Protein backbone atom coordinates (compact mmCIF):
# COMPACT_ATOMS: atom_id res chain seq x y z
CA MET A 1 -16.53 21.49 -21.27
CA GLY A 2 -18.28 24.63 -20.01
CA SER A 3 -17.18 28.18 -20.76
CA ALA A 4 -15.32 28.50 -17.46
CA GLU A 5 -13.26 25.37 -18.18
CA ARG A 6 -12.56 26.44 -21.79
CA SER A 7 -11.41 29.79 -20.52
CA ALA A 8 -9.10 28.17 -17.96
CA ALA A 9 -7.56 25.88 -20.58
CA ASP A 10 -7.29 28.55 -23.29
CA ASN A 11 -5.75 31.08 -20.92
CA GLY A 12 -2.90 28.87 -19.74
CA GLY A 13 -4.72 27.04 -16.96
CA LEU A 14 -5.07 23.36 -17.69
CA GLY A 15 -3.09 23.74 -20.93
CA VAL A 16 0.17 24.65 -19.19
CA LEU A 17 -0.05 22.04 -16.46
CA PRO A 18 2.07 18.88 -16.70
CA ALA A 19 0.44 15.51 -17.32
CA THR A 20 0.37 14.88 -13.56
CA PHE A 21 -0.04 17.87 -11.29
CA THR A 22 -0.89 18.84 -7.75
CA TYR A 23 -3.72 20.93 -6.41
CA SER A 24 -1.23 23.72 -5.65
CA GLN A 25 0.13 23.65 -9.20
CA ALA A 26 -3.39 24.00 -10.56
CA LEU A 27 -4.07 27.04 -8.41
CA SER A 28 -0.71 28.56 -9.40
CA ALA A 29 -1.63 28.08 -13.08
CA GLY A 30 -4.74 30.20 -12.59
CA LEU A 31 -7.41 27.58 -12.03
CA THR A 32 -9.85 28.15 -9.20
CA GLU A 33 -10.92 25.37 -6.89
CA TRP A 34 -14.35 25.40 -8.54
CA GLN A 35 -12.84 25.09 -12.03
CA LEU A 36 -10.60 22.24 -10.92
CA TYR A 37 -13.53 20.24 -9.56
CA ARG A 38 -15.57 20.97 -12.68
CA LEU A 39 -12.74 19.61 -14.84
CA ARG A 40 -12.74 16.50 -12.68
CA ASP A 41 -16.51 16.12 -12.89
CA HIS A 42 -16.35 16.43 -16.69
CA GLY A 43 -13.71 13.70 -16.88
CA LEU A 44 -10.97 16.01 -18.18
CA ILE A 45 -8.74 15.28 -15.21
CA GLU A 46 -8.51 12.18 -13.03
CA PRO A 47 -7.66 12.10 -9.33
CA VAL A 48 -4.49 10.04 -8.82
CA GLY A 49 -4.27 10.53 -5.08
CA ARG A 50 -5.10 13.11 -2.48
CA GLY A 51 -4.40 16.50 -4.05
CA LEU A 52 -2.87 14.85 -7.13
CA TYR A 53 -4.43 14.80 -10.60
CA ARG A 54 -3.69 13.61 -14.13
CA ARG A 55 -4.90 15.16 -17.37
CA HIS A 56 -7.28 12.99 -19.39
CA ASP A 57 -5.40 13.81 -22.62
CA ALA A 58 -2.11 12.47 -21.20
CA GLU A 59 -0.73 9.13 -22.36
CA ALA A 60 -2.00 5.98 -20.66
CA VAL A 61 0.25 4.96 -17.75
CA ASP A 62 0.19 2.91 -14.57
CA ILE A 63 -1.58 5.40 -12.31
CA ASP A 64 -0.54 3.57 -9.14
CA LEU A 65 3.15 3.89 -10.02
CA ILE A 66 2.67 7.55 -10.95
CA GLU A 67 1.21 8.22 -7.51
CA VAL A 68 4.05 6.40 -5.74
CA ALA A 69 6.72 8.20 -7.77
CA ARG A 70 5.20 11.61 -7.18
CA ARG A 71 4.72 11.00 -3.46
CA SER A 72 8.29 9.79 -2.94
CA PRO A 73 11.03 10.53 -5.50
CA LEU A 74 13.34 7.88 -3.98
CA ALA A 75 10.71 5.14 -4.24
CA THR A 76 12.22 2.02 -5.84
CA LEU A 77 10.40 -1.08 -7.04
CA CYS A 78 11.85 -4.12 -5.30
CA LEU A 79 11.32 -7.78 -4.40
CA THR A 80 8.27 -9.44 -6.05
CA THR A 81 7.32 -6.31 -7.98
CA ALA A 82 10.81 -5.91 -9.46
CA LEU A 83 11.18 -9.64 -10.09
CA ALA A 84 7.86 -9.70 -11.94
CA ARG A 85 8.88 -6.69 -14.05
CA HIS A 86 12.04 -8.51 -15.07
CA GLY A 87 10.08 -11.65 -15.94
CA LEU A 88 11.73 -13.71 -13.19
CA ILE A 89 8.51 -14.90 -11.53
CA ASP A 90 5.03 -15.70 -12.80
CA GLU A 91 3.30 -14.24 -9.78
CA ILE A 92 1.29 -11.07 -10.33
CA PRO A 93 1.78 -9.17 -7.05
CA SER A 94 -1.38 -7.87 -5.39
CA ARG A 95 0.64 -5.05 -3.87
CA ILE A 96 3.51 -2.90 -5.06
CA ASP A 97 6.76 -3.62 -3.21
CA VAL A 98 8.58 -0.32 -2.79
CA ALA A 99 11.89 0.33 -1.05
CA LEU A 100 12.95 3.56 0.62
CA PRO A 101 16.15 4.34 2.53
CA ARG A 102 15.69 3.51 6.20
CA GLY A 103 14.43 6.52 8.12
CA ARG A 104 12.61 8.12 5.17
CA HIS A 105 8.95 9.05 5.45
CA ARG A 106 6.50 6.51 4.02
CA PRO A 107 3.75 8.49 2.32
CA VAL A 108 0.10 7.52 2.46
CA THR A 109 -1.10 6.35 -0.95
CA ILE A 110 -4.30 5.12 -2.53
CA ALA A 111 -2.20 2.58 -4.43
CA PRO A 112 -1.71 -0.75 -2.59
CA VAL A 113 1.92 -0.39 -1.48
CA ALA A 114 4.09 -2.52 0.78
CA TRP A 115 6.90 -0.25 1.95
CA HIS A 116 10.33 -1.73 2.73
CA SER A 117 13.17 0.03 4.55
CA PHE A 118 16.61 -0.63 3.02
CA ASP A 119 20.02 0.36 4.35
CA PRO A 120 20.93 3.83 3.01
CA ALA A 121 24.55 2.67 2.51
CA THR A 122 23.50 0.08 -0.09
CA PHE A 123 20.24 1.60 -1.30
CA ASP A 124 21.61 2.76 -4.67
CA ILE A 125 23.36 -0.51 -5.57
CA GLY A 126 21.66 -1.91 -8.67
CA ARG A 127 19.12 0.93 -8.73
CA THR A 128 17.95 2.06 -12.17
CA ASN A 129 15.17 4.34 -13.37
CA LEU A 130 11.97 3.17 -15.01
CA PRO A 131 10.35 5.96 -17.10
CA LEU A 132 6.58 6.15 -16.56
CA ASP A 133 5.94 9.07 -18.89
CA LEU A 134 7.88 12.05 -20.24
CA GLU A 135 7.85 13.76 -16.84
CA THR A 136 7.94 10.96 -14.28
CA SER A 137 10.12 7.96 -13.52
CA ILE A 138 10.41 5.56 -10.61
CA GLY A 139 13.34 3.61 -9.24
CA LEU A 140 13.65 -0.06 -10.21
CA TYR A 141 16.20 -2.55 -8.92
CA SER A 142 18.10 -4.55 -11.54
CA PRO A 143 17.48 -8.31 -11.90
CA GLU A 144 20.70 -9.06 -10.00
CA ARG A 145 19.86 -6.73 -7.12
CA SER A 146 16.32 -8.09 -6.97
CA ILE A 147 17.67 -11.64 -6.65
CA VAL A 148 20.12 -10.55 -3.96
CA ASP A 149 17.26 -8.95 -2.01
CA ALA A 150 15.11 -12.07 -2.39
CA PHE A 151 17.91 -14.14 -0.83
CA ARG A 152 18.66 -11.47 1.76
CA LEU A 153 15.04 -11.36 2.91
CA ARG A 154 14.16 -15.02 2.30
CA HIS A 155 13.31 -15.46 5.99
CA ARG A 156 10.47 -13.00 5.40
CA GLU A 157 9.60 -13.47 1.73
CA GLY A 158 10.15 -17.23 1.67
CA PRO A 159 13.02 -19.18 0.09
CA ASP A 160 10.96 -20.37 -2.89
CA LEU A 161 10.81 -16.84 -4.31
CA ALA A 162 14.59 -16.47 -4.31
CA TYR A 163 15.33 -19.89 -5.84
CA ALA A 164 12.63 -19.61 -8.51
CA ALA A 165 13.88 -16.18 -9.58
CA LEU A 166 17.51 -17.32 -9.67
CA ARG A 167 16.63 -20.41 -11.70
CA ARG A 168 14.78 -18.37 -14.33
CA TRP A 169 17.44 -15.66 -14.39
CA LEU A 170 20.10 -18.25 -15.22
CA ARG A 171 18.13 -19.16 -18.35
CA GLN A 172 18.14 -15.57 -19.61
CA ARG A 173 20.62 -14.43 -22.20
CA GLY A 174 23.37 -12.35 -20.65
CA ALA A 175 22.98 -13.75 -17.14
CA SER A 176 26.39 -13.55 -15.46
CA PRO A 177 26.85 -15.50 -12.20
CA SER A 178 30.13 -13.68 -11.58
CA ARG A 179 28.36 -10.33 -11.79
CA LEU A 180 25.66 -11.57 -9.44
CA LEU A 181 28.27 -12.77 -6.92
CA ALA A 182 30.15 -9.47 -7.17
CA MET A 183 26.97 -7.65 -6.15
CA ALA A 184 26.22 -10.19 -3.42
CA ARG A 185 29.60 -9.49 -1.77
CA GLN A 186 28.33 -6.02 -0.87
CA PHE A 187 25.61 -7.51 1.35
CA PRO A 188 26.60 -9.37 4.52
CA LYS A 189 25.60 -13.04 4.76
CA VAL A 190 24.21 -13.23 1.20
CA GLU A 191 27.17 -14.30 -0.92
CA ARG A 192 27.44 -17.80 0.54
CA PRO A 193 23.79 -18.90 0.07
CA ILE A 194 23.77 -17.49 -3.47
CA ARG A 195 27.04 -19.23 -4.30
CA GLU A 196 25.68 -22.53 -2.93
CA ALA A 197 22.48 -22.13 -4.95
CA LEU A 198 24.48 -21.45 -8.11
CA GLU A 199 26.57 -24.58 -7.54
CA ILE A 200 23.38 -26.64 -7.41
CA LEU A 201 21.69 -25.02 -10.39
CA LEU A 202 24.66 -24.74 -12.76
C-alpha cells in the first residue's frame, strides 16, 4: 500500500468503513476518489457492484448475495435457490431466485438474478433471515414456504420441482405435513394439490 492509502486507513478512512460499503460512504469517511481507486488497484478492496465495494480483510462471503442484499433490503431467496439451500433439490441453480413484493423496484445487479414479484399480503409468510456477515443478511423462505411456492408456480417452474422437493422434505426429521398444510391454506388454490400429493407420498 502506498503512503496515501496508509494515511487514509490510519486516519479513519478505510479502517472505519464497514466490510461492504458504498462509494458515498468511502467519500464520507475521508477517502478521495483517487485513493479509493488505488485501494482497488492494490487489491485491498473488491468491487461488488456498481458503486459498491468490499474490504479485502473482511470474512469470505457469497459476494453475489451481498450485492443483492445491499441493493434491495427486502430481497428474499425463493424457489430453486431456497430449495437448494434447504437441501431439498440436487440442482445447483445457475441464477439466484429472488422475491420482492409486487410493485417494488428491481435493482440492476452484476449477480445473475431472476427477480420474482410476490403478493405483498403474503410476502412475509415463512420469511426468515439468512446472515451473510456481521453487517448484512438476506431474506430466505422456509422449507415449507419454498414448497408452497413451488406448487403455486408449478405451471411456470414445472411440476417435477415441487414434487421432488416435497418428497425429500418428507424424509427430513421434523417435517410436519400439518404445518405445511396450515401454510398452504393461506395461498389460494394450493392446499388441494399439496394435500393430494401428500396422500400419494405418505
